[in-house]
Amino acid sequence: GSGCRFENETGQCEDPGCRMTRSYEEVVRMEGIGKAFNGGLGERAYRDANVEYGVWTCLRDWNADEERDCLVQEHELACFRFDEGSKQFHYFGRNAELELVGEEEEE
């Protein structure tokens, strides 16, 4: 492949090297200490034959190697969509661009 998978809906290039291997339960725990934020995708929800995205999570400082693969800086929020089928998180983009988490929440 070209190393680039285009999402139908956003046209964004999804970097296959970027992944986040924390479980949903771990992400919820991280939310309790202010390192993760979760929510419903609402109008951005998406489903096709292969994936079903209903919720998102944005998190920071979860794993240095994975953060580097996702090209996010220290303390920067990276966002993922949760695929209900595979129970895996797929990279969505940086919060700076997606604006899923408001600045007042981030502090």
PDB file of N, CA and C in Angstrom:
ATOM      1  N   GLY A   1       0.814  -1.211   0.000  1.00  0.00           N
ATOM      2  CA  GLY A   1       0.000   0.000   0.000  1.00  0.00           C
ATOM      3  C   GLY A   1       0.842   1.253   0.000  1.00  0.00           C
ATOM      4  N   SER A   2       0.188   2.379  -0.094  1.00  0.00           N
ATOM      5  CA  SER A   2       0.895   3.650  -0.151  1.00  0.00           C
ATOM      6  C   SER A   2       1.296   4.118   1.248  1.00  0.00           C
ATOM      7  N   GLY A   3       0.927   3.318   2.263  1.00  0.00           N
ATOM      8  CA  GLY A   3       1.198   3.756   3.625  1.00  0.00           C
ATOM      9  C   GLY A   3       0.233   4.841   4.051  1.00  0.00           C
ATOM     10  N   CYS A   4      -0.876   4.959   3.334  1.00  0.00           N
ATOM     11  CA  CYS A   4      -1.812   6.029   3.620  1.00  0.00           C
ATOM     12  C   CYS A   4      -3.205   5.548   3.290  1.00  0.00           C
ATOM     13  N   ARG A   5      -4.097   5.586   4.257  1.00  0.00           N
ATOM     14  CA  ARG A   5      -5.449   5.128   4.018  1.00  0.00           C
ATOM     15  C   ARG A   5      -6.367   6.331   4.161  1.00  0.00           C
ATOM     16  N   PHE A   6      -7.084   6.664   3.116  1.00  0.00           N
ATOM     17  CA  PHE A   6      -7.943   7.842   3.195  1.00  0.00           C
ATOM     18  C   PHE A   6      -9.295   7.489   3.783  1.00  0.00           C
ATOM     19  N   GLU A   7      -9.722   8.265   4.729  1.00  0.00           N
ATOM     20  CA  GLU A   7     -11.052   8.093   5.298  1.00  0.00           C
ATOM     21  C   GLU A   7     -12.044   8.713   4.330  1.00  0.00           C
ATOM     22  N   ASN A   8     -13.095   7.971   4.008  1.00  0.00           N
ATOM     23  CA  ASN A   8     -14.101   8.476   3.067  1.00  0.00           C
ATOM     24  C   ASN A   8     -14.637   9.808   3.529  1.00  0.00           C
ATOM     25  N   GLU A   9     -14.877   9.876   4.830  1.00  0.00           N
ATOM     26  CA  GLU A   9     -15.685  10.960   5.342  1.00  0.00           C
ATOM     27  C   GLU A   9     -14.857  12.229   5.509  1.00  0.00           C
ATOM     28  N   THR A  10     -13.609  12.100   5.926  1.00  0.00           N
ATOM     29  CA  THR A  10     -12.822  13.294   6.231  1.00  0.00           C
ATOM     30  C   THR A  10     -11.792  13.578   5.159  1.00  0.00           C
ATOM     31  N   GLY A  11     -11.444  12.551   4.359  1.00  0.00           N
ATOM     32  CA  GLY A  11     -10.380  12.748   3.390  1.00  0.00           C
ATOM     33  C   GLY A  11      -9.018  12.876   4.032  1.00  0.00           C
ATOM     34  N   GLN A  12      -8.956  12.616   5.348  1.00  0.00           N
ATOM     35  CA  GLN A  12      -7.663  12.723   6.016  1.00  0.00           C
ATOM     36  C   GLN A  12      -6.843  11.475   5.752  1.00  0.00           C
ATOM     37  N   CYS A  13      -5.556  11.665   5.679  1.00  0.00           N
ATOM     38  CA  CYS A  13      -4.667  10.524   5.540  1.00  0.00           C
ATOM     39  C   CYS A  13      -4.473   9.916   6.919  1.00  0.00           C
ATOM     40  N   GLU A  14      -4.838   8.668   7.066  1.00  0.00           N
ATOM     41  CA  GLU A  14      -4.678   8.032   8.361  1.00  0.00           C
ATOM     42  C   GLU A  14      -3.341   7.314   8.365  1.00  0.00           C
ATOM     43  N   ASP A  15      -2.487   7.641   9.303  1.00  0.00           N
ATOM     44  CA  ASP A  15      -1.161   7.047   9.353  1.00  0.00           C
ATOM     45  C   ASP A  15      -1.261   5.667   9.997  1.00  0.00           C
ATOM     46  N   PRO A  16      -0.996   4.601   9.233  1.00  0.00           N
ATOM     47  CA  PRO A  16      -1.135   3.256   9.809  1.00  0.00           C
ATOM     48  C   PRO A  16      -0.102   2.978  10.902  1.00  0.00           C
ATOM     49  N   GLY A  17       0.978   3.792  10.951  1.00  0.00           N
ATOM     50  CA  GLY A  17       1.981   3.586  11.985  1.00  0.00           C
ATOM     51  C   GLY A  17       1.518   4.092  13.347  1.00  0.00           C
ATOM     52  N   CYS A  18       0.449   4.874  13.368  1.00  0.00           N
ATOM     53  CA  CYS A  18      -0.004   5.475  14.610  1.00  0.00           C
ATOM     54  C   CYS A  18      -1.106   4.632  15.227  1.00  0.00           C
ATOM     55  N   ARG A  19      -0.847   4.158  16.441  1.00  0.00           N
ATOM     56  CA  ARG A  19      -1.918   3.449  17.125  1.00  0.00           C
ATOM     57  C   ARG A  19      -1.804   3.687  18.621  1.00  0.00           C
ATOM     58  N   MET A  20      -2.856   3.340  19.305  1.00  0.00           N
ATOM     59  CA  MET A  20      -2.898   3.525  20.744  1.00  0.00           C
ATOM     60  C   MET A  20      -3.487   2.234  21.304  1.00  0.00           C
ATOM     61  N   THR A  21      -2.666   1.532  22.077  1.00  0.00           N
ATOM     62  CA  THR A  21      -3.035   0.174  22.462  1.00  0.00           C
ATOM     63  C   THR A  21      -3.659   0.092  23.857  1.00  0.00           C
ATOM     64  N   ARG A  22      -3.949   1.233  24.449  1.00  0.00           N
ATOM     65  CA  ARG A  22      -4.636   1.192  25.742  1.00  0.00           C
ATOM     66  C   ARG A  22      -6.045   0.640  25.562  1.00  0.00           C
ATOM     67  N   SER A  23      -6.533  -0.048  26.571  1.00  0.00           N
ATOM     68  CA  SER A  23      -7.900  -0.557  26.518  1.00  0.00           C
ATOM     69  C   SER A  23      -8.877   0.560  26.866  1.00  0.00           C
ATOM     70  N   TYR A  24     -10.137   0.318  26.550  1.00  0.00           N
ATOM     71  CA  TYR A  24     -11.162   1.304  26.862  1.00  0.00           C
ATOM     72  C   TYR A  24     -11.199   1.573  28.365  1.00  0.00           C
ATOM     73  N   GLU A  25     -11.051   0.513  29.151  1.00  0.00           N
ATOM     74  CA  GLU A  25     -11.072   0.662  30.617  1.00  0.00           C
ATOM     75  C   GLU A  25      -9.918   1.545  31.093  1.00  0.00           C
ATOM     76  N   GLU A  26      -8.738   1.347  30.505  1.00  0.00           N
ATOM     77  CA  GLU A  26      -7.583   2.172  30.890  1.00  0.00           C
ATOM     78  C   GLU A  26      -7.818   3.639  30.546  1.00  0.00           C
ATOM     79  N   VAL A  27      -8.417   3.861  29.387  1.00  0.00           N
ATOM     80  CA  VAL A  27      -8.678   5.237  28.968  1.00  0.00           C
ATOM     81  C   VAL A  27      -9.643   5.913  29.943  1.00  0.00           C
ATOM     82  N   VAL A  28     -10.656   5.164  30.379  1.00  0.00           N
ATOM     83  CA  VAL A  28     -11.601   5.720  31.348  1.00  0.00           C
ATOM     84  C   VAL A  28     -10.885   6.059  32.653  1.00  0.00           C
ATOM     85  N   ARG A  29      -9.943   5.207  33.067  1.00  0.00           N
ATOM     86  CA  ARG A  29      -9.149   5.499  34.269  1.00  0.00           C
ATOM     87  C   ARG A  29      -8.318   6.754  34.073  1.00  0.00           C
ATOM     88  N   MET A  30      -7.736   6.902  32.887  1.00  0.00           N
ATOM     89  CA  MET A  30      -6.927   8.091  32.599  1.00  0.00           C
ATOM     90  C   MET A  30      -7.777   9.350  32.629  1.00  0.00           C
ATOM     91  N   GLU A  31      -9.045   9.211  32.258  1.00  0.00           N
ATOM     92  CA  GLU A  31      -9.944  10.359  32.285  1.00  0.00           C
ATOM     93  C   GLU A  31     -10.069  10.870  33.718  1.00  0.00           C
ATOM     94  N   GLY A  32     -10.046   9.945  34.667  1.00  0.00           N
ATOM     95  CA  GLY A  32     -10.165  10.321  36.071  1.00  0.00           C
ATOM     96  C   GLY A  32      -9.013  11.175  36.570  1.00  0.00           C
ATOM     97  N   ILE A  33      -7.848  11.068  35.923  1.00  0.00           N
ATOM     98  CA  ILE A  33      -6.690  11.869  36.349  1.00  0.00           C
ATOM     99  C   ILE A  33      -6.390  12.988  35.348  1.00  0.00           C
ATOM    100  N   GLY A  34      -7.341  13.260  34.457  1.00  0.00           N
ATOM    101  CA  GLY A  34      -7.192  14.418  33.569  1.00  0.00           C
ATOM    102  C   GLY A  34      -6.278  14.211  32.379  1.00  0.00           C
ATOM    103  N   LYS A  35      -5.927  12.951  32.057  1.00  0.00           N
ATOM    104  CA  LYS A  35      -5.055  12.705  30.897  1.00  0.00           C
ATOM    105  C   LYS A  35      -5.834  12.252  29.679  1.00  0.00           C
ATOM    106  N   ALA A  36      -7.129  12.021  29.848  1.00  0.00           N
ATOM    107  CA  ALA A  36      -7.934  11.593  28.713  1.00  0.00           C
ATOM    108  C   ALA A  36      -9.306  12.249  28.788  1.00  0.00           C
ATOM    109  N   PHE A  37      -9.919  12.397  27.620  1.00  0.00           N
ATOM    110  CA  PHE A  37     -11.260  12.963  27.515  1.00  0.00           C
ATOM    111  C   PHE A  37     -12.035  12.080  26.558  1.00  0.00           C
ATOM    112  N   ASN A  38     -13.282  11.798  26.883  1.00  0.00           N
ATOM    113  CA  ASN A  38     -14.099  10.921  26.052  1.00  0.00           C
ATOM    114  C   ASN A  38     -15.421  11.593  25.732  1.00  0.00           C
ATOM    115  N   GLY A  39     -16.012  11.204  24.616  1.00  0.00           N
ATOM    116  CA  GLY A  39     -17.314  11.739  24.272  1.00  0.00           C
ATOM    117  C   GLY A  39     -17.910  11.006  23.090  1.00  0.00           C
ATOM    118  N   GLY A  40     -19.156  11.346  22.784  1.00  0.00           N
ATOM    119  CA  GLY A  40     -19.820  10.767  21.629  1.00  0.00           C
ATOM    120  C   GLY A  40     -19.525  11.580  20.380  1.00  0.00           C
ATOM    121  N   LEU A  41     -19.432  10.906  19.248  1.00  0.00           N
ATOM    122  CA  LEU A  41     -19.113  11.596  18.003  1.00  0.00           C
ATOM    123  C   LEU A  41     -20.294  12.378  17.438  1.00  0.00           C
ATOM    124  N   GLY A  42     -21.510  12.020  17.827  1.00  0.00           N
ATOM    125  CA  GLY A  42     -22.668  12.758  17.331  1.00  0.00           C
ATOM    126  C   GLY A  42     -22.727  12.752  15.814  1.00  0.00           C
ATOM    127  N   GLU A  43     -22.737  13.938  15.214  1.00  0.00           N
ATOM    128  CA  GLU A  43     -22.839  14.029  13.755  1.00  0.00           C
ATOM    129  C   GLU A  43     -21.603  13.500  13.053  1.00  0.00           C
ATOM    130  N   ARG A  44     -20.506  13.343  13.795  1.00  0.00           N
ATOM    131  CA  ARG A  44     -19.294  12.806  13.180  1.00  0.00           C
ATOM    132  C   ARG A  44     -19.217  11.282  13.294  1.00  0.00           C
ATOM    133  N   ALA A  45     -20.250  10.681  13.872  1.00  0.00           N
ATOM    134  CA  ALA A  45     -20.272   9.216  13.949  1.00  0.00           C
ATOM    135  C   ALA A  45     -20.243   8.656  12.532  1.00  0.00           C
ATOM    136  N   TYR A  46     -19.672   7.475  12.383  1.00  0.00           N
ATOM    137  CA  TYR A  46     -19.474   6.932  11.051  1.00  0.00           C
ATOM    138  C   TYR A  46     -19.544   5.420  11.107  1.00  0.00           C
ATOM    139  N   ARG A  47     -20.175   4.830  10.122  1.00  0.00           N
ATOM    140  CA  ARG A  47     -20.147   3.375  10.021  1.00  0.00           C
ATOM    141  C   ARG A  47     -20.175   2.950   8.570  1.00  0.00           C
ATOM    142  N   ASP A  48     -19.478   1.864   8.284  1.00  0.00           N
ATOM    143  CA  ASP A  48     -19.581   1.236   6.975  1.00  0.00           C
ATOM    144  C   ASP A  48     -19.457  -0.266   7.207  1.00  0.00           C
ATOM    145  N   ALA A  49     -19.134  -1.019   6.167  1.00  0.00           N
ATOM    146  CA  ALA A  49     -19.091  -2.476   6.305  1.00  0.00           C
ATOM    147  C   ALA A  49     -17.964  -2.925   7.245  1.00  0.00           C
ATOM    148  N   ASN A  50     -16.953  -2.068   7.425  1.00  0.00           N
ATOM    149  CA  ASN A  50     -15.761  -2.491   8.166  1.00  0.00           C
ATOM    150  C   ASN A  50     -15.641  -1.916   9.558  1.00  0.00           C
ATOM    151  N   VAL A  51     -16.134  -0.722   9.759  1.00  0.00           N
ATOM    152  CA  VAL A  51     -15.940  -0.048  11.042  1.00  0.00           C
ATOM    153  C   VAL A  51     -17.229   0.589  11.517  1.00  0.00           C
ATOM    154  N   GLU A  52     -17.279   0.783  12.825  1.00  0.00           N
ATOM    155  CA  GLU A  52     -18.399   1.523  13.402  1.00  0.00           C
ATOM    156  C   GLU A  52     -17.846   2.428  14.492  1.00  0.00           C
ATOM    157  N   TYR A  53     -17.820   3.735  14.218  1.00  0.00           N
ATOM    158  CA  TYR A  53     -17.301   4.711  15.160  1.00  0.00           C
ATOM    159  C   TYR A  53     -18.456   5.467  15.801  1.00  0.00           C
ATOM    160  N   GLY A  54     -18.574   5.379  17.115  1.00  0.00           N
ATOM    161  CA  GLY A  54     -19.606   6.123  17.815  1.00  0.00           C
ATOM    162  C   GLY A  54     -19.055   7.063  18.865  1.00  0.00           C
ATOM    163  N   VAL A  55     -17.858   6.738  19.376  1.00  0.00           N
ATOM    164  CA  VAL A  55     -17.283   7.556  20.440  1.00  0.00           C
ATOM    165  C   VAL A  55     -15.831   7.892  20.118  1.00  0.00           C
ATOM    166  N   TRP A  56     -15.355   8.965  20.726  1.00  0.00           N
ATOM    167  CA  TRP A  56     -13.967   9.378  20.565  1.00  0.00           C
ATOM    168  C   TRP A  56     -13.288   9.446  21.924  1.00  0.00           C
ATOM    169  N   THR A  57     -11.979   9.407  21.886  1.00  0.00           N
ATOM    170  CA  THR A  57     -11.184   9.709  23.072  1.00  0.00           C
ATOM    171  C   THR A  57      -9.993  10.540  22.629  1.00  0.00           C
ATOM    172  N   CYS A  58      -9.636  11.537  23.423  1.00  0.00           N
ATOM    173  CA  CYS A  58      -8.411  12.298  23.184  1.00  0.00           C
ATOM    174  C   CYS A  58      -7.554  12.118  24.433  1.00  0.00           C
ATOM    175  N   LEU A  59      -6.287  11.792  24.239  1.00  0.00           N
ATOM    176  CA  LEU A  59      -5.447  11.588  25.415  1.00  0.00           C
ATOM    177  C   LEU A  59      -4.033  12.051  25.152  1.00  0.00           C
ATOM    178  N   ARG A  60      -3.295  12.180  26.248  1.00  0.00           N
ATOM    179  CA  ARG A  60      -1.909  12.649  26.157  1.00  0.00           C
ATOM    180  C   ARG A  60      -1.037  11.815  27.078  1.00  0.00           C
ATOM    181  N   ASP A  61       0.242  11.782  26.762  1.00  0.00           N
ATOM    182  CA  ASP A  61       1.240  11.145  27.638  1.00  0.00           C
ATOM    183  C   ASP A  61       0.844   9.715  28.000  1.00  0.00           C
ATOM    184  N   TRP A  62       0.451   8.934  26.999  1.00  0.00           N
ATOM    185  CA  TRP A  62       0.025   7.563  27.300  1.00  0.00           C
ATOM    186  C   TRP A  62       1.122   6.538  27.077  1.00  0.00           C
ATOM    187  N   ASN A  63       2.018   6.777  26.115  1.00  0.00           N
ATOM    188  CA  ASN A  63       3.075   5.821  25.794  1.00  0.00           C
ATOM    189  C   ASN A  63       4.040   6.527  24.852  1.00  0.00           C
ATOM    190  N   ALA A  64       5.278   6.704  25.295  1.00  0.00           N
ATOM    191  CA  ALA A  64       6.224   7.537  24.540  1.00  0.00           C
ATOM    192  C   ALA A  64       6.426   7.031  23.116  1.00  0.00           C
ATOM    193  N   ASP A  65       6.534   5.716  22.939  1.00  0.00           N
ATOM    194  CA  ASP A  65       6.775   5.168  21.602  1.00  0.00           C
ATOM    195  C   ASP A  65       5.579   5.412  20.689  1.00  0.00           C
ATOM    196  N   GLU A  66       4.392   5.144  21.215  1.00  0.00           N
ATOM    197  CA  GLU A  66       3.199   5.329  20.399  1.00  0.00           C
ATOM    198  C   GLU A  66       2.972   6.800  20.082  1.00  0.00           C
ATOM    199  N   GLU A  67       3.259   7.662  21.048  1.00  0.00           N
ATOM    200  CA  GLU A  67       3.112   9.100  20.793  1.00  0.00           C
ATOM    201  C   GLU A  67       4.033   9.533  19.663  1.00  0.00           C
ATOM    202  N   ARG A  68       5.254   9.020  19.662  1.00  0.00           N
ATOM    203  CA  ARG A  68       6.213   9.388  18.615  1.00  0.00           C
ATOM    204  C   ARG A  68       5.706   8.902  17.252  1.00  0.00           C
ATOM    205  N   ASP A  69       5.176   7.671  17.219  1.00  0.00           N
ATOM    206  CA  ASP A  69       4.642   7.149  15.963  1.00  0.00           C
ATOM    207  C   ASP A  69       3.470   7.990  15.470  1.00  0.00           C
ATOM    208  N   CYS A  70       2.733   8.581  16.395  1.00  0.00           N
ATOM    209  CA  CYS A  70       1.580   9.409  16.027  1.00  0.00           C
ATOM    210  C   CYS A  70       1.983  10.852  15.769  1.00  0.00           C
ATOM    211  N   LEU A  71       3.280  11.136  15.931  1.00  0.00           N
ATOM    212  CA  LEU A  71       3.800  12.489  15.697  1.00  0.00           C
ATOM    213  C   LEU A  71       3.145  13.527  16.591  1.00  0.00           C
ATOM    214  N   VAL A  72       2.850  13.151  17.834  1.00  0.00           N
ATOM    215  CA  VAL A  72       2.329  14.141  18.770  1.00  0.00           C
ATOM    216  C   VAL A  72       3.413  14.507  19.771  1.00  0.00           C
ATOM    217  N   GLN A  73       3.385  15.750  20.200  1.00  0.00           N
ATOM    218  CA  GLN A  73       4.363  16.251  21.151  1.00  0.00           C
ATOM    219  C   GLN A  73       3.959  15.860  22.566  1.00  0.00           C
ATOM    220  N   GLU A  74       4.910  16.001  23.477  1.00  0.00           N
ATOM    221  CA  GLU A  74       4.605  15.768  24.878  1.00  0.00           C
ATOM    222  C   GLU A  74       3.443  16.671  25.312  1.00  0.00           C
ATOM    223  N   HIS A  75       2.522  16.129  26.065  1.00  0.00           N
ATOM    224  CA  HIS A  75       1.338  16.845  26.588  1.00  0.00           C
ATOM    225  C   HIS A  75       0.312  17.217  25.520  1.00  0.00           C
ATOM    226  N   GLU A  76       0.600  16.888  24.256  1.00  0.00           N
ATOM    227  CA  GLU A  76      -0.367  17.218  23.210  1.00  0.00           C
ATOM    228  C   GLU A  76      -1.457  16.152  23.172  1.00  0.00           C
ATOM    229  N   LEU A  77      -2.686  16.574  22.956  1.00  0.00           N
ATOM    230  CA  LEU A  77      -3.803  15.625  22.898  1.00  0.00           C
ATOM    231  C   LEU A  77      -3.931  15.028  21.500  1.00  0.00           C
ATOM    232  N   ALA A  78      -3.873  13.701  21.440  1.00  0.00           N
ATOM    233  CA  ALA A  78      -4.124  12.969  20.199  1.00  0.00           C
ATOM    234  C   ALA A  78      -5.490  12.310  20.337  1.00  0.00           C
ATOM    235  N   CYS A  79      -6.254  12.310  19.254  1.00  0.00           N
ATOM    236  CA  CYS A  79      -7.621  11.804  19.325  1.00  0.00           C
ATOM    237  C   CYS A  79      -7.795  10.549  18.483  1.00  0.00           C
ATOM    238  N   PHE A  80      -8.604   9.664  19.001  1.00  0.00           N
ATOM    239  CA  PHE A  80      -8.864   8.375  18.375  1.00  0.00           C
ATOM    240  C   PHE A  80     -10.354   8.119  18.383  1.00  0.00           C
ATOM    241  N   ARG A  81     -10.803   7.363  17.393  1.00  0.00           N
ATOM    242  CA  ARG A  81     -12.185   6.892  17.394  1.00  0.00           C
ATOM    243  C   ARG A  81     -12.164   5.425  17.796  1.00  0.00           C
ATOM    244  N   PHE A  82     -13.162   5.014  18.537  1.00  0.00           N
ATOM    245  CA  PHE A  82     -13.267   3.638  19.003  1.00  0.00           C
ATOM    246  C   PHE A  82     -14.127   2.847  18.029  1.00  0.00           C
ATOM    247  N   ASP A  83     -13.540   1.782  17.488  1.00  0.00           N
ATOM    248  CA  ASP A  83     -14.288   0.926  16.561  1.00  0.00           C
ATOM    249  C   ASP A  83     -15.013  -0.144  17.361  1.00  0.00           C
ATOM    250  N   GLU A  84     -16.343  -0.061  17.352  1.00  0.00           N
ATOM    251  CA  GLU A  84     -17.159  -0.973  18.159  1.00  0.00           C
ATOM    252  C   GLU A  84     -16.938  -2.431  17.764  1.00  0.00           C
ATOM    253  N   GLY A  85     -16.647  -2.664  16.477  1.00  0.00           N
ATOM    254  CA  GLY A  85     -16.474  -4.038  16.003  1.00  0.00           C
ATOM    255  C   GLY A  85     -15.213  -4.687  16.534  1.00  0.00           C
ATOM    256  N   SER A  86     -14.069  -4.043  16.294  1.00  0.00           N
ATOM    257  CA  SER A  86     -12.776  -4.621  16.688  1.00  0.00           C
ATOM    258  C   SER A  86     -12.398  -4.276  18.118  1.00  0.00           C
ATOM    259  N   LYS A  87     -13.163  -3.358  18.742  1.00  0.00           N
ATOM    260  CA  LYS A  87     -12.833  -2.864  20.086  1.00  0.00           C
ATOM    261  C   LYS A  87     -11.440  -2.241  20.120  1.00  0.00           C
ATOM    262  N   GLN A  88     -11.075  -1.572  19.039  1.00  0.00           N
ATOM    263  CA  GLN A  88      -9.773  -0.912  18.975  1.00  0.00           C
ATOM    264  C   GLN A  88      -9.964   0.570  18.685  1.00  0.00           C
ATOM    265  N   PHE A  89      -8.966   1.337  19.125  1.00  0.00           N
ATOM    266  CA  PHE A  89      -8.966   2.765  18.841  1.00  0.00           C
ATOM    267  C   PHE A  89      -8.222   3.020  17.531  1.00  0.00           C
ATOM    268  N   HIS A  90      -8.787   3.811  16.664  1.00  0.00           N
ATOM    269  CA  HIS A  90      -8.146   4.197  15.412  1.00  0.00           C
ATOM    270  C   HIS A  90      -7.869   5.694  15.438  1.00  0.00           C
ATOM    271  N   TYR A  91      -6.673   6.042  14.981  1.00  0.00           N
ATOM    272  CA  TYR A  91      -6.246   7.434  15.042  1.00  0.00           C
ATOM    273  C   TYR A  91      -7.183   8.334  14.246  1.00  0.00           C
ATOM    274  N   PHE A  92      -7.556   9.446  14.830  1.00  0.00           N
ATOM    275  CA  PHE A  92      -8.504  10.388  14.228  1.00  0.00           C
ATOM    276  C   PHE A  92      -7.793  11.688  13.851  1.00  0.00           C
ATOM    277  N   GLY A  93      -6.867  12.129  14.694  1.00  0.00           N
ATOM    278  CA  GLY A  93      -6.152  13.372  14.426  1.00  0.00           C
ATOM    279  C   GLY A  93      -5.745  14.055  15.721  1.00  0.00           C
ATOM    280  N   ARG A  94      -5.123  15.219  15.581  1.00  0.00           N
ATOM    281  CA  ARG A  94      -4.725  15.966  16.760  1.00  0.00           C
ATOM    282  C   ARG A  94      -5.887  16.836  17.217  1.00  0.00           C
ATOM    283  N   ASN A  95      -6.015  16.971  18.534  1.00  0.00           N
ATOM    284  CA  ASN A  95      -7.121  17.781  19.042  1.00  0.00           C
ATOM    285  C   ASN A  95      -7.023  19.227  18.560  1.00  0.00           C
ATOM    286  N   ALA A  96      -5.801  19.698  18.326  1.00  0.00           N
ATOM    287  CA  ALA A  96      -5.616  21.069  17.846  1.00  0.00           C
ATOM    288  C   ALA A  96      -6.411  21.293  16.555  1.00  0.00           C
ATOM    289  N   GLU A  97      -6.538  20.240  15.736  1.00  0.00           N
ATOM    290  CA  GLU A  97      -7.280  20.369  14.485  1.00  0.00           C
ATOM    291  C   GLU A  97      -8.742  19.964  14.653  1.00  0.00           C
ATOM    292  N   LEU A  98      -8.993  18.915  15.424  1.00  0.00           N
ATOM    293  CA  LEU A  98     -10.356  18.393  15.551  1.00  0.00           C
ATOM    294  C   LEU A  98     -11.204  19.196  16.533  1.00  0.00           C
ATOM    295  N   GLU A  99     -10.536  19.773  17.540  1.00  0.00           N
ATOM    296  CA  GLU A  99     -11.213  20.586  18.560  1.00  0.00           C
ATOM    297  C   GLU A  99     -12.345  19.817  19.249  1.00  0.00           C
ATOM    298  N   LEU A 100     -12.080  18.567  19.586  1.00  0.00           N
ATOM    299  CA  LEU A 100     -13.058  17.778  20.329  1.00  0.00           C
ATOM    300  C   LEU A 100     -13.069  18.187  21.797  1.00  0.00           C
ATOM    301  N   VAL A 101     -11.891  18.542  22.303  1.00  0.00           N
ATOM    302  CA  VAL A 101     -11.776  18.968  23.706  1.00  0.00           C
ATOM    303  C   VAL A 101     -11.554  20.476  23.720  1.00  0.00           C
ATOM    304  N   GLY A 102     -12.413  21.186  24.449  1.00  0.00           N
ATOM    305  CA  GLY A 102     -12.265  22.630  24.545  1.00  0.00           C
ATOM    306  C   GLY A 102     -11.080  23.020  25.407  1.00  0.00           C
ATOM    307  N   GLU A 103     -10.541  24.194  25.187  1.00  0.00           N
ATOM    308  CA  GLU A 103      -9.353  24.638  25.920  1.00  0.00           C
ATOM    309  C   GLU A 103      -9.605  24.722  27.419  1.00  0.00           C
ATOM    310  N   GLU A 104     -10.816  25.098  27.794  1.00  0.00           N
ATOM    311  CA  GLU A 104     -11.085  25.246  29.218  1.00  0.00           C
ATOM    312  C   GLU A 104     -11.082  23.880  29.914  1.00  0.00           C
ATOM    313  N   GLU A 105     -11.436  22.821  29.164  1.00  0.00           N
ATOM    314  CA  GLU A 105     -11.421  21.488  29.749  1.00  0.00           C
ATOM    315  C   GLU A 105      -9.997  20.966  29.896  1.00  0.00           C
ATOM    316  N   GLU A 106      -9.148  21.384  28.958  1.00  0.00           N
ATOM    317  CA  GLU A 106      -7.799  20.820  28.899  1.00  0.00           C
ATOM    318  C   GLU A 106      -6.962  21.163  30.105  1.00  0.00           C
ATOM    319  N   GLU A 107      -7.212  22.308  30.691  1.00  0.00           N
ATOM    320  CA  GLU A 107      -6.328  22.777  31.772  1.00  0.00           C
ATOM    321  C   GLU A 107      -6.328  21.845  32.954  1.00  0.00           C
TER     322      GLU A 107
END
